[in-house]
Amino acid sequence: MKKLLFLVSCLTLTLWAQPTVGAETAVFQVVVHPSNPLTEVKRSQLAQLFFKKSTQWASGKTAMPVDLAEDSTVRAAFCEQVLKRSLPAVRAYWQQRIFSGRDVPPPEKPSEAEVLAYVRANPGAVGYVAAGTSTPGVKVLNIVD
């Protein structure tokens, strides 16, 4: 009986210590070329850029989104939080666009270092890396709703 009571107490403490469903912790940070004049971007605008429904920044510069590889947990979080779709749903979206000959998805880079290099090399680029990643030579944007 004491063991059962102890287990229930531990479970209660574990559940109590978990963050609430609405409290999102930063899993990624959005990065752009340092010449981009923005300091923040709307989540909806970011989704439009990554789905290529919008192809330009407000300045008129061509937007060049770049993704991490599909097996990245950071990409999965980006899809869920910014694109508001699961990674398999995003994959299905792009398969349909490719099959219909309408468009191709953003390029994928296998590492955060390569995403950062792509963003540094392309003035219209926008990408994302894990929160806490050192981002020399790029600008980090705040995401707003």
N, C-alpha and C. Protein backbone atom coordinates (compact mmCIF):
# COMPACT_ATOMS: atom_id res chain seq x y z
N MET A 1 0.81 -1.19 0.00
CA MET A 1 0.00 0.00 0.00
C MET A 1 0.86 1.26 0.00
N LYS A 2 1.95 1.24 0.78
CA LYS A 2 2.84 2.40 0.84
C LYS A 2 3.47 2.64 -0.54
N LYS A 3 3.83 1.54 -1.23
CA LYS A 3 4.43 1.68 -2.56
C LYS A 3 3.44 2.32 -3.53
N LEU A 4 2.20 1.89 -3.46
CA LEU A 4 1.18 2.44 -4.35
C LEU A 4 0.97 3.92 -4.07
N LEU A 5 0.90 4.27 -2.81
CA LEU A 5 0.73 5.68 -2.44
C LEU A 5 1.92 6.50 -2.89
N PHE A 6 3.12 5.95 -2.75
CA PHE A 6 4.34 6.62 -3.20
C PHE A 6 4.31 6.83 -4.71
N LEU A 7 3.91 5.82 -5.48
CA LEU A 7 3.84 5.94 -6.94
C LEU A 7 2.82 6.98 -7.37
N VAL A 8 1.66 6.99 -6.72
CA VAL A 8 0.64 7.98 -7.05
C VAL A 8 1.16 9.39 -6.75
N SER A 9 1.85 9.55 -5.63
CA SER A 9 2.42 10.85 -5.28
C SER A 9 3.45 11.30 -6.31
N CYS A 10 4.31 10.38 -6.74
CA CYS A 10 5.32 10.70 -7.76
C CYS A 10 4.66 11.08 -9.08
N LEU A 11 3.65 10.34 -9.47
CA LEU A 11 2.94 10.64 -10.71
C LEU A 11 2.28 12.01 -10.64
N THR A 12 1.67 12.32 -9.52
CA THR A 12 1.02 13.61 -9.33
C THR A 12 2.05 14.74 -9.44
N LEU A 13 3.19 14.58 -8.78
CA LEU A 13 4.23 15.60 -8.86
C LEU A 13 4.76 15.74 -10.28
N THR A 14 4.93 14.63 -10.99
CA THR A 14 5.42 14.67 -12.36
C THR A 14 4.44 15.42 -13.25
N LEU A 15 3.16 15.12 -13.14
CA LEU A 15 2.16 15.79 -13.95
C LEU A 15 2.07 17.27 -13.59
N TRP A 16 2.17 17.59 -12.32
CA TRP A 16 2.09 18.96 -11.88
C TRP A 16 3.28 19.78 -12.39
N ALA A 17 4.45 19.16 -12.52
CA ALA A 17 5.66 19.86 -12.94
C ALA A 17 5.73 20.06 -14.45
N GLN A 18 4.87 19.41 -15.21
CA GLN A 18 4.89 19.55 -16.67
C GLN A 18 4.35 20.91 -17.08
N PRO A 19 4.91 21.49 -18.17
CA PRO A 19 4.37 22.77 -18.63
C PRO A 19 2.94 22.60 -19.13
N THR A 20 2.16 23.66 -19.06
CA THR A 20 0.79 23.58 -19.54
C THR A 20 0.77 23.49 -21.06
N VAL A 21 -0.33 23.01 -21.61
CA VAL A 21 -0.46 22.79 -23.04
C VAL A 21 -0.25 24.09 -23.81
N GLY A 22 -0.76 25.19 -23.32
CA GLY A 22 -0.66 26.45 -24.04
C GLY A 22 0.71 27.11 -23.96
N ALA A 23 1.56 26.65 -23.09
CA ALA A 23 2.87 27.28 -22.91
C ALA A 23 3.88 26.64 -23.84
N GLU A 24 4.16 27.34 -24.95
CA GLU A 24 5.14 26.82 -25.91
C GLU A 24 6.52 27.31 -25.53
N THR A 25 7.46 26.40 -25.48
CA THR A 25 8.83 26.80 -25.25
C THR A 25 9.50 26.96 -26.60
N ALA A 26 10.46 27.84 -26.69
CA ALA A 26 11.14 28.09 -27.95
C ALA A 26 12.00 26.89 -28.31
N VAL A 27 11.67 26.28 -29.43
CA VAL A 27 12.42 25.12 -29.92
C VAL A 27 13.33 25.57 -31.05
N PHE A 28 12.95 26.64 -31.74
CA PHE A 28 13.70 27.12 -32.89
C PHE A 28 13.74 28.64 -32.88
N GLN A 29 14.62 29.18 -33.71
CA GLN A 29 14.66 30.61 -33.95
C GLN A 29 14.73 30.84 -35.45
N VAL A 30 14.03 31.85 -35.92
CA VAL A 30 13.97 32.17 -37.34
C VAL A 30 15.10 33.14 -37.65
N VAL A 31 15.83 32.85 -38.74
CA VAL A 31 16.98 33.67 -39.12
C VAL A 31 16.83 34.18 -40.55
N VAL A 32 17.31 35.40 -40.77
CA VAL A 32 17.31 36.02 -42.09
C VAL A 32 18.68 36.65 -42.33
N HIS A 33 18.90 37.05 -43.57
CA HIS A 33 20.12 37.75 -43.94
C HIS A 33 20.17 39.07 -43.16
N PRO A 34 21.36 39.51 -42.74
CA PRO A 34 21.44 40.74 -41.94
C PRO A 34 20.94 41.99 -42.67
N SER A 35 20.87 41.96 -44.00
CA SER A 35 20.38 43.13 -44.74
C SER A 35 18.86 43.23 -44.72
N ASN A 36 18.18 42.19 -44.26
CA ASN A 36 16.72 42.22 -44.17
C ASN A 36 16.33 43.25 -43.11
N PRO A 37 15.48 44.22 -43.48
CA PRO A 37 15.15 45.29 -42.52
C PRO A 37 14.22 44.87 -41.37
N LEU A 38 13.60 43.71 -41.46
CA LEU A 38 12.65 43.28 -40.43
C LEU A 38 13.35 42.93 -39.12
N THR A 39 12.62 43.13 -38.02
CA THR A 39 13.06 42.65 -36.72
C THR A 39 12.08 41.62 -36.18
N GLU A 40 10.88 41.58 -36.78
CA GLU A 40 9.88 40.60 -36.41
C GLU A 40 9.09 40.22 -37.66
N VAL A 41 8.45 39.05 -37.59
CA VAL A 41 7.66 38.56 -38.72
C VAL A 41 6.41 37.90 -38.16
N LYS A 42 5.30 38.10 -38.85
CA LYS A 42 4.07 37.43 -38.45
C LYS A 42 4.16 35.95 -38.78
N ARG A 43 3.62 35.13 -37.89
CA ARG A 43 3.61 33.69 -38.13
C ARG A 43 2.95 33.38 -39.46
N SER A 44 1.85 34.05 -39.76
CA SER A 44 1.13 33.79 -41.01
C SER A 44 1.96 34.15 -42.23
N GLN A 45 2.73 35.24 -42.16
CA GLN A 45 3.60 35.62 -43.28
C GLN A 45 4.70 34.58 -43.47
N LEU A 46 5.24 34.11 -42.38
CA LEU A 46 6.28 33.08 -42.44
C LEU A 46 5.74 31.81 -43.09
N ALA A 47 4.53 31.42 -42.72
CA ALA A 47 3.90 30.24 -43.32
C ALA A 47 3.70 30.45 -44.82
N GLN A 48 3.26 31.64 -45.21
CA GLN A 48 3.06 31.94 -46.63
C GLN A 48 4.38 31.81 -47.41
N LEU A 49 5.46 32.27 -46.81
CA LEU A 49 6.77 32.17 -47.46
C LEU A 49 7.23 30.72 -47.60
N PHE A 50 7.04 29.93 -46.54
CA PHE A 50 7.51 28.54 -46.58
C PHE A 50 6.61 27.64 -47.44
N PHE A 51 5.35 28.02 -47.62
CA PHE A 51 4.47 27.29 -48.54
C PHE A 51 4.56 27.86 -49.96
N LYS A 52 5.36 28.91 -50.12
CA LYS A 52 5.57 29.61 -51.38
C LYS A 52 4.27 30.18 -51.95
N LYS A 53 3.36 30.52 -51.06
CA LYS A 53 2.14 31.22 -51.49
C LYS A 53 2.45 32.70 -51.64
N SER A 54 3.50 33.14 -51.00
CA SER A 54 4.04 34.48 -51.14
C SER A 54 5.52 34.29 -51.47
N THR A 55 6.01 35.03 -52.45
CA THR A 55 7.39 34.81 -52.89
C THR A 55 8.29 36.01 -52.68
N GLN A 56 7.74 37.06 -52.06
CA GLN A 56 8.54 38.27 -51.85
C GLN A 56 8.34 38.82 -50.44
N TRP A 57 9.40 39.46 -49.96
CA TRP A 57 9.32 40.22 -48.74
C TRP A 57 8.60 41.54 -49.04
N ALA A 58 8.17 42.24 -48.03
CA ALA A 58 7.49 43.53 -48.22
C ALA A 58 8.37 44.52 -48.99
N SER A 59 9.68 44.37 -48.88
CA SER A 59 10.62 45.26 -49.57
C SER A 59 10.68 44.98 -51.07
N GLY A 60 10.07 43.87 -51.50
CA GLY A 60 10.12 43.49 -52.91
C GLY A 60 11.20 42.48 -53.23
N LYS A 61 12.07 42.22 -52.27
CA LYS A 61 13.14 41.24 -52.47
C LYS A 61 12.54 39.84 -52.50
N THR A 62 13.05 38.99 -53.40
CA THR A 62 12.58 37.62 -53.51
C THR A 62 12.91 36.85 -52.23
N ALA A 63 11.91 36.20 -51.68
CA ALA A 63 12.09 35.39 -50.47
C ALA A 63 12.66 34.03 -50.86
N MET A 64 13.60 33.55 -50.07
CA MET A 64 14.25 32.27 -50.34
C MET A 64 14.23 31.41 -49.07
N PRO A 65 13.10 30.76 -48.79
CA PRO A 65 13.04 29.93 -47.58
C PRO A 65 13.94 28.69 -47.72
N VAL A 66 14.43 28.21 -46.60
CA VAL A 66 15.26 27.02 -46.56
C VAL A 66 14.85 26.19 -45.35
N ASP A 67 14.72 24.88 -45.55
CA ASP A 67 14.30 23.96 -44.49
C ASP A 67 15.46 23.13 -43.98
N LEU A 68 15.33 22.64 -42.77
CA LEU A 68 16.21 21.59 -42.27
C LEU A 68 15.71 20.26 -42.85
N ALA A 69 16.52 19.22 -42.72
CA ALA A 69 16.15 17.90 -43.23
C ALA A 69 14.89 17.38 -42.54
N GLU A 70 14.17 16.50 -43.23
CA GLU A 70 12.89 15.99 -42.71
C GLU A 70 13.01 15.24 -41.39
N ASP A 71 14.17 14.68 -41.09
CA ASP A 71 14.31 13.92 -39.85
C ASP A 71 14.65 14.81 -38.65
N SER A 72 14.67 16.12 -38.86
CA SER A 72 15.01 17.05 -37.80
C SER A 72 13.81 17.30 -36.88
N THR A 73 14.03 17.18 -35.58
CA THR A 73 12.96 17.49 -34.62
C THR A 73 12.66 18.98 -34.61
N VAL A 74 13.66 19.80 -34.94
CA VAL A 74 13.44 21.25 -35.02
C VAL A 74 12.50 21.55 -36.18
N ARG A 75 12.67 20.85 -37.31
CA ARG A 75 11.76 21.05 -38.44
C ARG A 75 10.34 20.64 -38.08
N ALA A 76 10.20 19.53 -37.38
CA ALA A 76 8.87 19.07 -36.98
C ALA A 76 8.19 20.13 -36.10
N ALA A 77 8.94 20.73 -35.19
CA ALA A 77 8.38 21.77 -34.33
C ALA A 77 8.02 23.01 -35.14
N PHE A 78 8.87 23.38 -36.10
CA PHE A 78 8.58 24.52 -36.96
C PHE A 78 7.29 24.28 -37.75
N CYS A 79 7.14 23.09 -38.30
CA CYS A 79 5.92 22.76 -39.05
C CYS A 79 4.68 22.89 -38.16
N GLU A 80 4.74 22.34 -36.97
CA GLU A 80 3.60 22.36 -36.07
C GLU A 80 3.27 23.78 -35.61
N GLN A 81 4.28 24.54 -35.22
CA GLN A 81 4.04 25.84 -34.60
C GLN A 81 3.86 26.98 -35.60
N VAL A 82 4.56 26.93 -36.73
CA VAL A 82 4.47 28.03 -37.70
C VAL A 82 3.53 27.68 -38.85
N LEU A 83 3.73 26.50 -39.44
CA LEU A 83 2.91 26.12 -40.59
C LEU A 83 1.56 25.56 -40.16
N LYS A 84 1.44 25.24 -38.88
CA LYS A 84 0.20 24.70 -38.30
C LYS A 84 -0.22 23.39 -38.98
N ARG A 85 0.77 22.61 -39.39
CA ARG A 85 0.54 21.29 -39.98
C ARG A 85 1.63 20.35 -39.49
N SER A 86 1.32 19.07 -39.50
CA SER A 86 2.33 18.08 -39.14
C SER A 86 3.33 17.96 -40.29
N LEU A 87 4.49 17.42 -40.00
CA LEU A 87 5.50 17.21 -41.04
C LEU A 87 4.97 16.33 -42.18
N PRO A 88 4.25 15.21 -41.89
CA PRO A 88 3.68 14.42 -42.99
C PRO A 88 2.67 15.22 -43.83
N ALA A 89 1.90 16.11 -43.21
CA ALA A 89 0.95 16.93 -43.96
C ALA A 89 1.68 17.93 -44.86
N VAL A 90 2.77 18.48 -44.38
CA VAL A 90 3.56 19.40 -45.20
C VAL A 90 4.18 18.63 -46.37
N ARG A 91 4.68 17.43 -46.09
CA ARG A 91 5.24 16.59 -47.15
C ARG A 91 4.18 16.29 -48.22
N ALA A 92 2.96 15.97 -47.81
CA ALA A 92 1.87 15.69 -48.74
C ALA A 92 1.53 16.94 -49.57
N TYR A 93 1.54 18.10 -48.94
CA TYR A 93 1.30 19.36 -49.65
C TYR A 93 2.30 19.52 -50.80
N TRP A 94 3.58 19.30 -50.49
CA TRP A 94 4.60 19.48 -51.51
C TRP A 94 4.55 18.39 -52.57
N GLN A 95 4.22 17.18 -52.21
CA GLN A 95 4.09 16.12 -53.21
C GLN A 95 3.00 16.47 -54.22
N GLN A 96 1.90 17.02 -53.74
CA GLN A 96 0.81 17.42 -54.63
C GLN A 96 1.25 18.56 -55.54
N ARG A 97 1.97 19.54 -55.00
CA ARG A 97 2.45 20.68 -55.79
C ARG A 97 3.46 20.22 -56.85
N ILE A 98 4.33 19.30 -56.48
CA ILE A 98 5.32 18.78 -57.43
C ILE A 98 4.62 18.00 -58.53
N PHE A 99 3.71 17.11 -58.15
CA PHE A 99 2.99 16.25 -59.11
C PHE A 99 2.20 17.09 -60.11
N SER A 100 1.61 18.18 -59.64
CA SER A 100 0.81 19.03 -60.53
C SER A 100 1.68 20.00 -61.33
N GLY A 101 2.98 20.00 -61.08
CA GLY A 101 3.90 20.86 -61.82
C GLY A 101 3.84 22.32 -61.41
N ARG A 102 3.30 22.61 -60.24
CA ARG A 102 3.13 24.00 -59.81
C ARG A 102 4.35 24.59 -59.11
N ASP A 103 5.06 23.78 -58.36
CA ASP A 103 6.17 24.33 -57.59
C ASP A 103 6.99 23.22 -56.96
N VAL A 104 8.12 23.59 -56.40
CA VAL A 104 8.96 22.66 -55.66
C VAL A 104 9.16 23.22 -54.26
N PRO A 105 9.42 22.36 -53.28
CA PRO A 105 9.58 22.85 -51.91
C PRO A 105 10.89 23.62 -51.74
N PRO A 106 10.99 24.34 -50.64
CA PRO A 106 12.27 25.01 -50.34
C PRO A 106 13.39 23.97 -50.27
N PRO A 107 14.62 24.40 -50.57
CA PRO A 107 15.73 23.45 -50.44
C PRO A 107 15.88 23.00 -48.99
N GLU A 108 16.37 21.78 -48.82
CA GLU A 108 16.64 21.24 -47.48
C GLU A 108 18.14 21.21 -47.25
N LYS A 109 18.53 21.56 -46.06
CA LYS A 109 19.93 21.49 -45.67
C LYS A 109 20.05 20.50 -44.52
N PRO A 110 21.06 19.66 -44.55
CA PRO A 110 21.18 18.60 -43.54
C PRO A 110 21.62 19.06 -42.15
N SER A 111 22.10 20.30 -42.04
CA SER A 111 22.56 20.75 -40.72
C SER A 111 22.22 22.22 -40.52
N GLU A 112 22.23 22.61 -39.27
CA GLU A 112 21.99 24.02 -38.95
C GLU A 112 23.10 24.90 -39.50
N ALA A 113 24.33 24.40 -39.49
CA ALA A 113 25.45 25.18 -40.04
C ALA A 113 25.22 25.48 -41.51
N GLU A 114 24.66 24.52 -42.24
CA GLU A 114 24.40 24.74 -43.66
C GLU A 114 23.21 25.68 -43.88
N VAL A 115 22.21 25.64 -43.01
CA VAL A 115 21.10 26.60 -43.09
C VAL A 115 21.65 28.00 -42.87
N LEU A 116 22.49 28.17 -41.86
CA LEU A 116 23.07 29.48 -41.57
C LEU A 116 23.94 29.97 -42.72
N ALA A 117 24.72 29.09 -43.33
CA ALA A 117 25.56 29.47 -44.48
C ALA A 117 24.69 29.92 -45.65
N TYR A 118 23.58 29.21 -45.89
CA TYR A 118 22.65 29.56 -46.97
C TYR A 118 22.05 30.95 -46.72
N VAL A 119 21.63 31.20 -45.50
CA VAL A 119 21.02 32.49 -45.15
C VAL A 119 22.05 33.61 -45.27
N ARG A 120 23.28 33.37 -44.82
CA ARG A 120 24.33 34.39 -44.93
C ARG A 120 24.64 34.72 -46.39
N ALA A 121 24.53 33.73 -47.28
CA ALA A 121 24.90 33.90 -48.69
C ALA A 121 23.79 34.48 -49.56
N ASN A 122 22.54 34.52 -49.07
CA ASN A 122 21.41 34.93 -49.89
C ASN A 122 20.60 36.02 -49.19
N PRO A 123 20.63 37.26 -49.72
CA PRO A 123 19.94 38.37 -49.06
C PRO A 123 18.44 38.16 -48.81
N GLY A 124 17.75 37.36 -49.61
CA GLY A 124 16.33 37.14 -49.39
C GLY A 124 16.01 35.90 -48.57
N ALA A 125 17.03 35.23 -48.08
CA ALA A 125 16.84 33.94 -47.41
C ALA A 125 16.19 34.08 -46.04
N VAL A 126 15.46 33.01 -45.68
CA VAL A 126 14.87 32.87 -44.36
C VAL A 126 14.93 31.39 -43.99
N GLY A 127 15.38 31.12 -42.80
CA GLY A 127 15.48 29.74 -42.33
C GLY A 127 15.21 29.68 -40.84
N TYR A 128 15.49 28.53 -40.26
CA TYR A 128 15.31 28.36 -38.82
C TYR A 128 16.34 27.36 -38.32
N VAL A 129 16.73 27.53 -37.09
CA VAL A 129 17.69 26.65 -36.42
C VAL A 129 17.21 26.45 -34.99
N ALA A 130 17.80 25.52 -34.32
CA ALA A 130 17.42 25.25 -32.93
C ALA A 130 17.64 26.47 -32.06
N ALA A 131 16.74 26.68 -31.12
CA ALA A 131 16.89 27.76 -30.15
C ALA A 131 18.22 27.59 -29.43
N GLY A 132 18.91 28.68 -29.22
CA GLY A 132 20.18 28.63 -28.53
C GLY A 132 21.37 28.42 -29.44
N THR A 133 21.12 28.15 -30.72
CA THR A 133 22.21 27.98 -31.67
C THR A 133 22.89 29.33 -31.89
N SER A 134 24.20 29.35 -31.93
CA SER A 134 24.94 30.57 -32.22
C SER A 134 24.65 30.98 -33.67
N THR A 135 24.34 32.24 -33.89
CA THR A 135 23.90 32.70 -35.21
C THR A 135 24.75 33.86 -35.73
N PRO A 136 26.07 33.71 -35.81
CA PRO A 136 26.90 34.81 -36.31
C PRO A 136 26.62 35.06 -37.80
N GLY A 137 26.54 36.34 -38.15
CA GLY A 137 26.38 36.71 -39.55
C GLY A 137 24.95 36.66 -40.07
N VAL A 138 23.97 36.39 -39.21
CA VAL A 138 22.56 36.42 -39.60
C VAL A 138 21.78 37.20 -38.54
N LYS A 139 20.55 37.51 -38.86
CA LYS A 139 19.69 38.23 -37.92
C LYS A 139 18.57 37.28 -37.47
N VAL A 140 18.29 37.28 -36.19
CA VAL A 140 17.19 36.48 -35.63
C VAL A 140 15.95 37.36 -35.57
N LEU A 141 14.83 36.83 -36.11
CA LEU A 141 13.56 37.56 -36.08
C LEU A 141 12.66 37.04 -34.97
N ASN A 142 11.91 37.93 -34.36
CA ASN A 142 10.86 37.54 -33.43
C ASN A 142 9.63 37.16 -34.23
N ILE A 143 8.92 36.12 -33.80
CA ILE A 143 7.68 35.72 -34.46
C ILE A 143 6.52 36.28 -33.66
N VAL A 144 5.61 36.96 -34.35
CA VAL A 144 4.43 37.52 -33.71
C VAL A 144 3.19 36.98 -34.40
N ASP A 145 2.07 37.04 -33.70
CA ASP A 145 0.81 36.57 -34.33
C ASP A 145 0.01 37.68 -34.88
